[in-house]
Amino acid sequence: MGVNLKIALGVLDIDHPNSPDGNFEVAKDLEETYKLFSTFAEWNLKTISTEIVNAIDSNFENIVNTGQINTGIFKQATDYIEGDFRGFLDSSLIEGMGISGVPTEAALLGVRTKFKKGSAKDWVKGKRTESYGLIGTRRPSFIDSGVIRESFRAWVEK
């Protein structure tokens, strides 16, 4: 029995406050410019592999008996991978990996799109930049609106 499995990483294609084209286009741009998702996958390959193998191992008897792998067995593993991605962003790990343009200018300036209505307590009162508007304290790269972070998904395909 030969089974090919593909671990996919991506985002939900929903509205994004920084793009009229939506979240998927923003994610594509982040991958093309900074290799955000592939860098995460390379950095976390051992953990991703371990989680997938553990899912297969814990369902091995059923797989042997049916001769099939139901991709639903990977739910716990993909949830774990999604949490790892969020931690990867929150911890700013990517900022120490030598990627050109990282940390991003917006992160260094503290731009937070989700707080444009003035609710961010760490904004520097009255401080503005030409291209970003209000700015605040330094933040990790790639989480200015939180949409990419929260919409990230991992799944397994046959």
Protein backbone atom coordinates (compact mmCIF):
# COMPACT_ATOMS: atom_id res chain seq x y z
CA MET A 1 0.00 0.00 0.00
CA GLY A 2 1.51 3.32 -1.05
CA VAL A 3 0.05 6.55 0.23
CA ASN A 4 1.30 10.02 -0.57
CA LEU A 5 0.46 12.66 1.97
CA LYS A 6 0.95 16.37 1.59
CA ILE A 7 1.16 18.72 4.55
CA ALA A 8 -0.25 22.06 3.45
CA LEU A 9 0.28 25.41 5.14
CA GLY A 10 -1.82 28.43 4.26
CA VAL A 11 -4.37 30.99 5.35
CA LEU A 12 -8.10 31.43 5.14
CA ASP A 13 -8.94 33.78 2.29
CA ILE A 14 -10.83 36.43 4.20
CA ASP A 15 -10.85 40.22 4.17
CA HIS A 16 -7.57 41.83 5.15
CA PRO A 17 -7.40 45.44 6.35
CA ASN A 18 -4.20 46.12 4.39
CA SER A 19 -5.30 44.71 1.03
CA PRO A 20 -8.38 45.07 -1.14
CA ASP A 21 -7.40 41.71 -2.70
CA GLY A 22 -7.80 39.76 0.56
CA ASN A 23 -5.79 37.73 2.99
CA PHE A 24 -4.59 35.11 0.50
CA GLU A 25 -2.87 37.77 -1.60
CA VAL A 26 -1.19 39.26 1.48
CA ALA A 27 0.03 35.79 2.48
CA LYS A 28 1.32 35.17 -1.07
CA ASP A 29 3.22 38.47 -0.97
CA LEU A 30 4.71 37.63 2.44
CA GLU A 31 5.88 34.26 1.13
CA GLU A 32 7.33 35.73 -2.07
CA THR A 33 9.08 38.60 -0.29
CA TYR A 34 10.14 37.05 3.01
CA LYS A 35 9.59 33.27 2.62
CA LEU A 36 7.45 33.47 5.78
CA PHE A 37 5.71 30.09 5.49
CA SER A 38 8.60 28.12 4.01
CA THR A 39 10.95 29.52 6.66
CA PHE A 40 8.52 28.37 9.35
CA ALA A 41 8.25 24.92 7.75
CA GLU A 42 12.03 24.52 7.50
CA TRP A 43 12.58 25.75 11.07
CA ASN A 44 9.84 23.45 12.41
CA LEU A 45 10.29 20.43 10.10
CA LYS A 46 11.28 18.01 12.85
CA THR A 47 8.26 18.89 15.01
CA ILE A 48 5.90 18.80 12.02
CA SER A 49 7.22 15.36 11.03
CA THR A 50 6.97 14.08 14.60
CA GLU A 51 3.37 15.24 14.94
CA ILE A 52 2.35 13.58 11.66
CA VAL A 53 4.16 10.33 12.54
CA ASN A 54 2.52 10.30 15.98
CA ALA A 55 -0.91 10.65 14.34
CA ILE A 56 -0.19 7.72 12.04
CA ASP A 57 1.28 5.68 14.89
CA SER A 58 -1.73 6.17 17.13
CA ASN A 59 -4.05 5.10 14.29
CA PHE A 60 -1.82 2.38 12.86
CA GLU A 61 -4.11 -0.55 13.62
CA ASN A 62 -7.07 1.11 11.93
CA ILE A 63 -4.91 2.05 8.93
CA VAL A 64 -3.71 -1.55 8.53
CA ASN A 65 -7.21 -2.99 8.96
CA THR A 66 -8.87 -0.62 6.47
CA GLY A 67 -5.95 -0.07 4.12
CA GLN A 68 -6.74 3.64 4.14
CA ILE A 69 -5.66 6.78 5.92
CA ASN A 70 -8.43 9.15 6.88
CA THR A 71 -6.98 12.67 6.93
CA GLY A 72 -9.13 13.41 9.98
CA ILE A 73 -6.59 11.57 12.14
CA PHE A 74 -4.23 14.53 11.68
CA LYS A 75 -6.48 17.12 13.39
CA GLN A 76 -4.49 17.18 16.64
CA ALA A 77 -1.21 17.37 14.70
CA THR A 78 -2.37 20.23 12.49
CA ASP A 79 -3.75 22.12 15.49
CA TYR A 80 -0.32 21.78 17.09
CA ILE A 81 1.41 23.04 13.92
CA GLU A 82 -0.94 26.04 13.79
CA GLY A 83 -0.08 26.88 17.39
CA ASP A 84 3.62 26.57 16.59
CA PHE A 85 3.22 29.05 13.72
CA ARG A 86 1.54 31.57 16.00
CA GLY A 87 4.32 31.11 18.55
CA PHE A 88 6.89 31.51 15.77
CA LEU A 89 5.43 34.90 14.90
CA ASP A 90 4.87 36.04 18.48
CA SER A 91 8.43 35.19 19.52
CA SER A 92 10.03 37.07 16.59
CA LEU A 93 12.19 34.02 15.82
CA ILE A 94 12.18 34.82 12.11
CA GLU A 95 13.83 38.15 12.84
CA GLY A 96 17.08 36.42 13.75
CA MET A 97 17.25 34.20 10.66
CA GLY A 98 19.06 36.61 8.35
CA ILE A 99 16.16 37.26 5.97
CA SER A 100 16.50 40.53 4.07
CA GLY A 101 13.96 43.11 5.24
CA VAL A 102 13.25 41.31 8.52
CA PRO A 103 12.48 42.74 11.00
CA THR A 104 10.08 44.72 8.87
CA GLU A 105 9.99 48.51 8.93
CA ALA A 106 6.38 48.41 10.13
CA ALA A 107 7.37 46.18 13.08
CA LEU A 108 10.23 48.47 14.03
CA LEU A 109 7.88 51.46 13.93
CA GLY A 110 5.19 49.65 15.92
CA VAL A 111 2.48 49.91 13.27
CA ARG A 112 -0.67 48.11 14.39
CA THR A 113 -3.47 48.16 11.83
CA LYS A 114 -5.94 46.53 14.21
CA PHE A 115 -5.70 49.59 16.47
CA LYS A 116 -6.36 52.29 13.86
CA LYS A 117 -9.39 53.46 15.81
CA GLY A 118 -7.09 54.70 18.59
CA SER A 119 -7.49 51.89 21.11
CA ALA A 120 -3.80 50.93 21.32
CA LYS A 121 -2.45 52.07 24.65
CA ASP A 122 1.15 51.87 23.45
CA TRP A 123 0.86 54.30 20.55
CA VAL A 124 3.15 57.27 20.78
CA LYS A 125 0.59 60.04 21.13
CA GLY A 126 0.55 62.21 18.05
CA LYS A 127 3.53 60.52 16.43
CA ARG A 128 2.97 59.83 12.76
CA THR A 129 4.90 58.68 9.73
CA GLU A 130 4.27 59.58 6.12
CA SER A 131 3.37 56.05 4.99
CA TYR A 132 1.92 54.45 8.12
CA GLY A 133 0.02 57.06 10.09
CA LEU A 134 0.07 56.51 13.85
CA ILE A 135 2.89 54.38 15.23
CA GLY A 136 3.73 52.88 18.62
CA THR A 137 6.18 50.64 20.42
CA ARG A 138 8.17 47.95 18.61
CA ARG A 139 6.24 44.76 17.81
CA PRO A 140 7.09 41.40 16.15
CA SER A 141 7.10 41.31 12.35
CA PHE A 142 4.09 39.99 10.38
CA ILE A 143 1.39 40.50 13.02
CA ASP A 144 0.33 44.11 12.53
CA SER A 145 -3.36 43.34 11.95
CA GLY A 146 -3.31 39.80 13.37
CA VAL A 147 -5.22 38.47 10.36
CA ILE A 148 -2.39 36.32 8.94
CA ARG A 149 -1.58 34.99 12.41
CA GLU A 150 -5.16 34.04 13.25
CA SER A 151 -6.15 32.73 9.81
CA PHE A 152 -3.11 30.42 9.43
CA ARG A 153 -4.10 26.79 8.86
CA ALA A 154 -2.27 23.50 8.42
CA TRP A 155 -3.92 20.44 6.89
CA VAL A 156 -3.05 17.08 5.38
CA GLU A 157 -4.08 16.09 1.86
CA LYS A 158 -3.82 12.76 0.05
